[in-house]
Structures are given as structure tokens and as C-alpha cells.
Amino acid sequence: MAPGYVPAPTPGKSLGLAGFILSLLGPLTVLGLILSIVGLAQSRKVNVKNGFAVAGIVIGSVGTIIFALLIIAAVVGAGALLQQCAELGPGVHQVNGVTITCGG
């Protein structure tokens, strides 16, 4: 290489790395997944491998599915609790050894 030579940046590498990092951060997995997909698409246009983008897609996909399942479980649990409180009425109740406090 000649002195002062700066290689051209590889398209999609930065997005792939950013997507990989965000895919590791809980609620940001969806954003990490999107950035990784865009980074991989940019890299593929110039026939360059982008391992961080691929890893970001895998981790982001799994993380997004897990996060979605947790949200669904929380909504179902809250719905069941609201239904229980609707049946029991306001106050503190013992149901199968579990204390449930329902507002009025």
C-alpha cells in the first residue's frame, strides 16, 4: 500500500455492526434486526461478506421473537388478573394461596 492510502469503506459494514450491537440490547432487538438486514443487503450488492450483519439478523430474530412472547404473556396475565378482579370485586382476596388485591 502506498503511504497515505485509505481503503474505501465497505458498504453495509457499519450498519451490520450497529445492528449486531443493537440486537443484543433487549427491547432494541427489532431495530438491530432492521439495521442488520439493511447492512447485509448493502454488502451483498457489492459481493462483500458481512458476518456482523448475519449475526445481527440471527440474534435480532431470536430476540424479537422472545420479546414478542414476553409481551403476549404479560398481556394475557394482565387480562386474567383483570378478569379475576371483575369476578371477586374490590378488596384483598386469597385464591389458591395467592393474595390478589383488586382496586375499587
C-alpha atoms as a PDB file:
ATOM      1  CA  MET A   1       0.000   0.000   0.000  1.00  0.00           C
ATOM      2  CA  ALA A   2       1.131   3.491  -0.749  1.00  0.00           C
ATOM      3  CA  PRO A   3       1.708   5.862   2.170  1.00  0.00           C
ATOM      4  CA  GLY A   4      -1.423   7.802   3.000  1.00  0.00           C
ATOM      5  CA  TYR A   5      -3.663   5.239   1.277  1.00  0.00           C
ATOM      6  CA  VAL A   6      -7.031   4.895   2.943  1.00  0.00           C
ATOM      7  CA  PRO A   7      -9.085   1.901   1.806  1.00  0.00           C
ATOM      8  CA  ALA A   8     -12.644   2.599   0.691  1.00  0.00           C
ATOM      9  CA  PRO A   9     -15.261   1.739   3.292  1.00  0.00           C
ATOM     10  CA  THR A  10     -17.197  -1.458   2.701  1.00  0.00           C
ATOM     11  CA  PRO A  11     -20.886  -0.734   2.150  1.00  0.00           C
ATOM     12  CA  GLY A  12     -23.073  -2.124   4.904  1.00  0.00           C
ATOM     13  CA  LYS A  13     -20.277  -2.977   7.356  1.00  0.00           C
ATOM     14  CA  SER A  14     -21.113  -0.122   9.745  1.00  0.00           C
ATOM     15  CA  LEU A  15     -24.829  -0.854   9.617  1.00  0.00           C
ATOM     16  CA  GLY A  16     -24.136  -4.551  10.157  1.00  0.00           C
ATOM     17  CA  LEU A  17     -22.035  -3.800  13.229  1.00  0.00           C
ATOM     18  CA  ALA A  18     -24.585  -1.324  14.617  1.00  0.00           C
ATOM     19  CA  GLY A  19     -27.374  -3.829  14.003  1.00  0.00           C
ATOM     20  CA  PHE A  20     -25.404  -6.564  15.743  1.00  0.00           C
ATOM     21  CA  ILE A  21     -24.820  -4.380  18.816  1.00  0.00           C
ATOM     22  CA  LEU A  22     -28.465  -3.250  18.989  1.00  0.00           C
ATOM     23  CA  SER A  23     -29.690  -6.826  18.580  1.00  0.00           C
ATOM     24  CA  LEU A  24     -28.005  -7.621  21.901  1.00  0.00           C
ATOM     25  CA  LEU A  25     -29.877  -4.873  23.772  1.00  0.00           C
ATOM     26  CA  GLY A  26     -33.276  -6.277  24.810  1.00  0.00           C
ATOM     27  CA  PRO A  27     -36.072  -4.034  23.510  1.00  0.00           C
ATOM     28  CA  LEU A  28     -33.870  -2.719  20.697  1.00  0.00           C
ATOM     29  CA  THR A  29     -33.655  -6.134  19.017  1.00  0.00           C
ATOM     30  CA  VAL A  30     -36.187  -5.088  16.381  1.00  0.00           C
ATOM     31  CA  LEU A  31     -34.105  -2.053  15.422  1.00  0.00           C
ATOM     32  CA  GLY A  32     -30.969  -4.211  15.408  1.00  0.00           C
ATOM     33  CA  LEU A  33     -32.700  -6.714  13.144  1.00  0.00           C
ATOM     34  CA  ILE A  34     -33.726  -3.988  10.684  1.00  0.00           C
ATOM     35  CA  LEU A  35     -30.260  -2.388  10.586  1.00  0.00           C
ATOM     36  CA  SER A  36     -28.629  -5.794  10.125  1.00  0.00           C
ATOM     37  CA  ILE A  37     -30.903  -6.629   7.199  1.00  0.00           C
ATOM     38  CA  VAL A  38     -30.163  -3.288   5.526  1.00  0.00           C
ATOM     39  CA  GLY A  39     -26.429  -3.704   6.151  1.00  0.00           C
ATOM     40  CA  LEU A  40     -26.428  -7.200   4.688  1.00  0.00           C
ATOM     41  CA  ALA A  41     -28.364  -6.029   1.627  1.00  0.00           C
ATOM     42  CA  GLN A  42     -25.856  -3.228   1.029  1.00  0.00           C
ATOM     43  CA  SER A  43     -22.923  -5.626   1.402  1.00  0.00           C
ATOM     44  CA  ARG A  44     -24.455  -8.174  -0.947  1.00  0.00           C
ATOM     45  CA  LYS A  45     -24.846  -5.529  -3.673  1.00  0.00           C
ATOM     46  CA  VAL A  46     -21.047  -5.299  -3.859  1.00  0.00           C
ATOM     47  CA  ASN A  47     -20.448  -9.023  -3.167  1.00  0.00           C
ATOM     48  CA  VAL A  48     -18.829  -8.499   0.245  1.00  0.00           C
ATOM     49  CA  LYS A  49     -19.388 -10.789   3.220  1.00  0.00           C
ATOM     50  CA  ASN A  50     -20.799  -9.181   6.351  1.00  0.00           C
ATOM     51  CA  GLY A  51     -20.634 -11.547   9.319  1.00  0.00           C
ATOM     52  CA  PHE A  52     -21.807  -8.950  11.831  1.00  0.00           C
ATOM     53  CA  ALA A  53     -24.961  -8.344   9.790  1.00  0.00           C
ATOM     54  CA  VAL A  54     -25.702 -12.076   9.596  1.00  0.00           C
ATOM     55  CA  ALA A  55     -25.137 -12.464  13.344  1.00  0.00           C
ATOM     56  CA  GLY A  56     -27.319  -9.401  13.982  1.00  0.00           C
ATOM     57  CA  ILE A  57     -30.109 -10.931  11.896  1.00  0.00           C
ATOM     58  CA  VAL A  58     -29.957 -14.244  13.774  1.00  0.00           C
ATOM     59  CA  ILE A  59     -29.731 -12.683  17.240  1.00  0.00           C
ATOM     60  CA  GLY A  60     -32.244  -9.961  16.373  1.00  0.00           C
ATOM     61  CA  SER A  61     -34.754 -12.522  15.064  1.00  0.00           C
ATOM     62  CA  VAL A  62     -34.496 -14.710  18.159  1.00  0.00           C
ATOM     63  CA  GLY A  63     -34.574 -11.676  20.467  1.00  0.00           C
ATOM     64  CA  THR A  64     -37.588 -10.205  18.687  1.00  0.00           C
ATOM     65  CA  ILE A  65     -39.498 -13.484  18.991  1.00  0.00           C
ATOM     66  CA  ILE A  66     -38.653 -13.788  22.693  1.00  0.00           C
ATOM     67  CA  PHE A  67     -39.584 -10.144  23.326  1.00  0.00           C
ATOM     68  CA  ALA A  68     -42.903 -10.600  21.486  1.00  0.00           C
ATOM     69  CA  LEU A  69     -43.677 -13.736  23.525  1.00  0.00           C
ATOM     70  CA  LEU A  70     -42.953 -11.855  26.760  1.00  0.00           C
ATOM     71  CA  ILE A  71     -45.313  -9.057  25.741  1.00  0.00           C
ATOM     72  CA  ILE A  72     -48.024 -11.569  24.855  1.00  0.00           C
ATOM     73  CA  ALA A  73     -47.557 -13.350  28.196  1.00  0.00           C
ATOM     74  CA  ALA A  74     -47.793 -10.041  30.079  1.00  0.00           C
ATOM     75  CA  VAL A  75     -50.976  -9.043  28.241  1.00  0.00           C
ATOM     76  CA  VAL A  76     -52.565 -12.459  28.829  1.00  0.00           C
ATOM     77  CA  GLY A  77     -51.557 -12.366  32.501  1.00  0.00           C
ATOM     78  CA  ALA A  78     -52.938  -8.869  32.962  1.00  0.00           C
ATOM     79  CA  GLY A  79     -56.164  -9.905  31.246  1.00  0.00           C
ATOM     80  CA  ALA A  80     -56.523 -12.911  33.537  1.00  0.00           C
ATOM     81  CA  LEU A  81     -55.906 -10.741  36.596  1.00  0.00           C
ATOM     82  CA  LEU A  82     -58.491  -8.184  35.452  1.00  0.00           C
ATOM     83  CA  GLN A  83     -60.999 -10.982  34.848  1.00  0.00           C
ATOM     84  CA  GLN A  84     -60.312 -12.413  38.314  1.00  0.00           C
ATOM     85  CA  CYS A  85     -60.797  -8.992  39.910  1.00  0.00           C
ATOM     86  CA  ALA A  86     -64.034  -8.497  37.960  1.00  0.00           C
ATOM     87  CA  GLU A  87     -65.363 -11.742  39.450  1.00  0.00           C
ATOM     88  CA  LEU A  88     -64.087 -11.147  43.008  1.00  0.00           C
ATOM     89  CA  GLY A  89     -64.826  -7.444  43.344  1.00  0.00           C
ATOM     90  CA  PRO A  90     -62.723  -4.838  45.170  1.00  0.00           C
ATOM     91  CA  GLY A  91     -60.582  -5.776  48.173  1.00  0.00           C
ATOM     92  CA  VAL A  92     -57.878  -8.254  49.124  1.00  0.00           C
ATOM     93  CA  HIS A  93     -58.589 -11.897  48.289  1.00  0.00           C
ATOM     94  CA  GLN A  94     -56.838 -15.243  48.796  1.00  0.00           C
ATOM     95  CA  VAL A  95     -57.128 -17.515  45.764  1.00  0.00           C
ATOM     96  CA  ASN A  96     -55.268 -20.841  45.864  1.00  0.00           C
ATOM     97  CA  GLY A  97     -52.757 -19.424  48.321  1.00  0.00           C
ATOM     98  CA  VAL A  98     -52.112 -16.315  46.234  1.00  0.00           C
ATOM     99  CA  THR A  99     -53.064 -12.868  47.513  1.00  0.00           C
ATOM    100  CA  ILE A 100     -54.857 -10.754  44.935  1.00  0.00           C
ATOM    101  CA  THR A 101     -55.555  -7.079  45.602  1.00  0.00           C
ATOM    102  CA  CYS A 102     -58.301  -5.592  43.468  1.00  0.00           C
ATOM    103  CA  GLY A 103     -58.999  -1.867  43.316  1.00  0.00           C
ATOM    104  CA  GLY A 104     -62.443  -0.362  43.528  1.00  0.00           C
END
